[in-house]
């Protein structure tokens, strides 16, 4: 797909994640940077879609195992930064 702007692309991604989440399907989104993962997280907050954020931030390190273990559960949305 081609989008008119970067903002349109992020909005479309958030909308797609929201639609999949409503069906109960687990969703894993890989991003290229911590900034991008946090940008998507803000979009999902606005859409009221619950998610888990898996990135290189120190505050998330202790929960990484739990996040990975839960990522395949029904309705789980996981945002992961590619490392």
C-alpha atoms as a PDB file:
ATOM      1  CA  UNK A   1       0.000   0.000   0.000  1.00  0.00           C
ATOM      2  CA  UNK A   2       1.027   3.576  -0.643  1.00  0.00           C
ATOM      3  CA  UNK A   3      -0.048   6.353   1.700  1.00  0.00           C
ATOM      4  CA  UNK A   4      -0.200  10.094   1.093  1.00  0.00           C
ATOM      5  CA  UNK A   5       1.672  10.804   4.327  1.00  0.00           C
ATOM      6  CA  UNK A   6       3.512   9.159   7.179  1.00  0.00           C
ATOM      7  CA  UNK A   7       0.635  10.070   9.489  1.00  0.00           C
ATOM      8  CA  UNK A   8      -1.854   8.324   7.192  1.00  0.00           C
ATOM      9  CA  UNK A   9       0.297   5.190   7.276  1.00  0.00           C
ATOM     10  CA  UNK A  10       0.384   5.104  11.088  1.00  0.00           C
ATOM     11  CA  UNK A  11      -3.361   5.756  11.291  1.00  0.00           C
ATOM     12  CA  UNK A  12      -4.037   2.891   8.874  1.00  0.00           C
ATOM     13  CA  UNK A  13      -1.816   0.557  10.893  1.00  0.00           C
ATOM     14  CA  UNK A  14      -3.567   1.479  14.145  1.00  0.00           C
ATOM     15  CA  UNK A  15      -6.939   0.939  12.479  1.00  0.00           C
ATOM     16  CA  UNK A  16      -5.898  -2.494  11.196  1.00  0.00           C
ATOM     17  CA  UNK A  17      -4.587  -3.534  14.620  1.00  0.00           C
ATOM     18  CA  UNK A  18      -7.841  -2.336  16.191  1.00  0.00           C
ATOM     19  CA  UNK A  19      -9.917  -4.383  13.716  1.00  0.00           C
ATOM     20  CA  UNK A  20      -7.854  -7.533  14.330  1.00  0.00           C
ATOM     21  CA  UNK A  21      -8.005  -7.014  18.080  1.00  0.00           C
ATOM     22  CA  UNK A  22     -11.807  -6.881  17.945  1.00  0.00           C
ATOM     23  CA  UNK A  23     -11.829 -10.375  16.423  1.00  0.00           C
ATOM     24  CA  UNK A  24      -9.605 -11.703  19.215  1.00  0.00           C
ATOM     25  CA  UNK A  25      -6.724 -12.420  16.882  1.00  0.00           C
ATOM     26  CA  UNK A  26      -3.266 -11.957  18.445  1.00  0.00           C
ATOM     27  CA  UNK A  27      -1.237  -9.261  16.691  1.00  0.00           C
ATOM     28  CA  UNK A  28       2.521  -8.745  16.660  1.00  0.00           C
ATOM     29  CA  UNK A  29       3.795  -5.499  15.120  1.00  0.00           C
ATOM     30  CA  UNK A  30       7.517  -5.098  14.507  1.00  0.00           C
ATOM     31  CA  UNK A  31       8.896  -1.565  14.325  1.00  0.00           C
ATOM     32  CA  UNK A  32      12.289  -0.295  13.235  1.00  0.00           C
ATOM     33  CA  UNK A  33      12.930   1.933  16.244  1.00  0.00           C
ATOM     34  CA  UNK A  34      11.882   2.606  19.820  1.00  0.00           C
ATOM     35  CA  UNK A  35      10.446   5.954  18.672  1.00  0.00           C
ATOM     36  CA  UNK A  36       8.246   4.185  16.114  1.00  0.00           C
ATOM     37  CA  UNK A  37       7.035   1.637  18.670  1.00  0.00           C
ATOM     38  CA  UNK A  38       6.093   4.446  21.027  1.00  0.00           C
ATOM     39  CA  UNK A  39       4.391   6.340  18.202  1.00  0.00           C
ATOM     40  CA  UNK A  40       2.212   3.320  17.445  1.00  0.00           C
ATOM     41  CA  UNK A  41       1.544   2.875  21.165  1.00  0.00           C
ATOM     42  CA  UNK A  42       0.170   6.428  21.328  1.00  0.00           C
ATOM     43  CA  UNK A  43      -2.103   5.694  18.356  1.00  0.00           C
ATOM     44  CA  UNK A  44      -3.389   2.522  20.032  1.00  0.00           C
ATOM     45  CA  UNK A  45      -3.949   4.425  23.285  1.00  0.00           C
ATOM     46  CA  UNK A  46      -6.149   6.842  21.337  1.00  0.00           C
ATOM     47  CA  UNK A  47      -8.056   3.875  19.808  1.00  0.00           C
ATOM     48  CA  UNK A  48      -8.336   2.297  23.276  1.00  0.00           C
ATOM     49  CA  UNK A  49      -6.598  -0.893  22.139  1.00  0.00           C
ATOM     50  CA  UNK A  50      -4.704  -2.654  24.952  1.00  0.00           C
ATOM     51  CA  UNK A  51      -1.147  -3.657  24.049  1.00  0.00           C
ATOM     52  CA  UNK A  52       2.206  -4.699  25.464  1.00  0.00           C
ATOM     53  CA  UNK A  53       5.312  -2.807  24.457  1.00  0.00           C
ATOM     54  CA  UNK A  54       8.531  -4.781  23.986  1.00  0.00           C
ATOM     55  CA  UNK A  55      11.448  -2.468  23.313  1.00  0.00           C
ATOM     56  CA  UNK A  56      14.848  -1.538  24.673  1.00  0.00           C
ATOM     57  CA  UNK A  57      13.583   0.792  27.397  1.00  0.00           C
ATOM     58  CA  UNK A  58      15.018  -0.194  30.801  1.00  0.00           C
ATOM     59  CA  UNK A  59      11.582  -0.054  32.469  1.00  0.00           C
ATOM     60  CA  UNK A  60      10.368  -2.905  30.230  1.00  0.00           C
ATOM     61  CA  UNK A  61      13.300  -5.308  30.698  1.00  0.00           C
ATOM     62  CA  UNK A  62      11.938  -7.034  33.807  1.00  0.00           C
ATOM     63  CA  UNK A  63       8.641  -7.819  32.061  1.00  0.00           C
ATOM     64  CA  UNK A  64      10.068  -9.051  28.735  1.00  0.00           C
ATOM     65  CA  UNK A  65       9.588 -12.752  29.462  1.00  0.00           C
ATOM     66  CA  UNK A  66       5.983 -12.218  30.512  1.00  0.00           C
ATOM     67  CA  UNK A  67       5.296 -10.070  27.414  1.00  0.00           C
ATOM     68  CA  UNK A  68       6.723 -12.697  25.049  1.00  0.00           C
ATOM     69  CA  UNK A  69       4.877 -15.535  26.790  1.00  0.00           C
ATOM     70  CA  UNK A  70       1.526 -13.709  26.510  1.00  0.00           C
ATOM     71  CA  UNK A  71       1.987 -12.476  22.951  1.00  0.00           C
ATOM     72  CA  UNK A  72       0.172 -15.392  21.317  1.00  0.00           C
ATOM     73  CA  UNK A  73      -2.901 -15.300  23.522  1.00  0.00           C
ATOM     74  CA  UNK A  74      -6.326 -14.430  22.189  1.00  0.00           C
ATOM     75  CA  UNK A  75      -6.657 -10.677  21.720  1.00  0.00           C
ATOM     76  CA  UNK A  76      -3.038  -9.919  22.625  1.00  0.00           C
ATOM     77  CA  UNK A  77      -1.399  -6.984  20.872  1.00  0.00           C
ATOM     78  CA  UNK A  78       2.383  -6.783  21.121  1.00  0.00           C
ATOM     79  CA  UNK A  79       4.533  -3.998  19.709  1.00  0.00           C
ATOM     80  CA  UNK A  80       8.151  -5.050  19.335  1.00  0.00           C
ATOM     81  CA  UNK A  81      11.183  -3.056  18.287  1.00  0.00           C
ATOM     82  CA  UNK A  82      13.411  -5.029  15.930  1.00  0.00           C
ATOM     83  CA  UNK A  83      16.827  -5.361  17.530  1.00  0.00           C
END
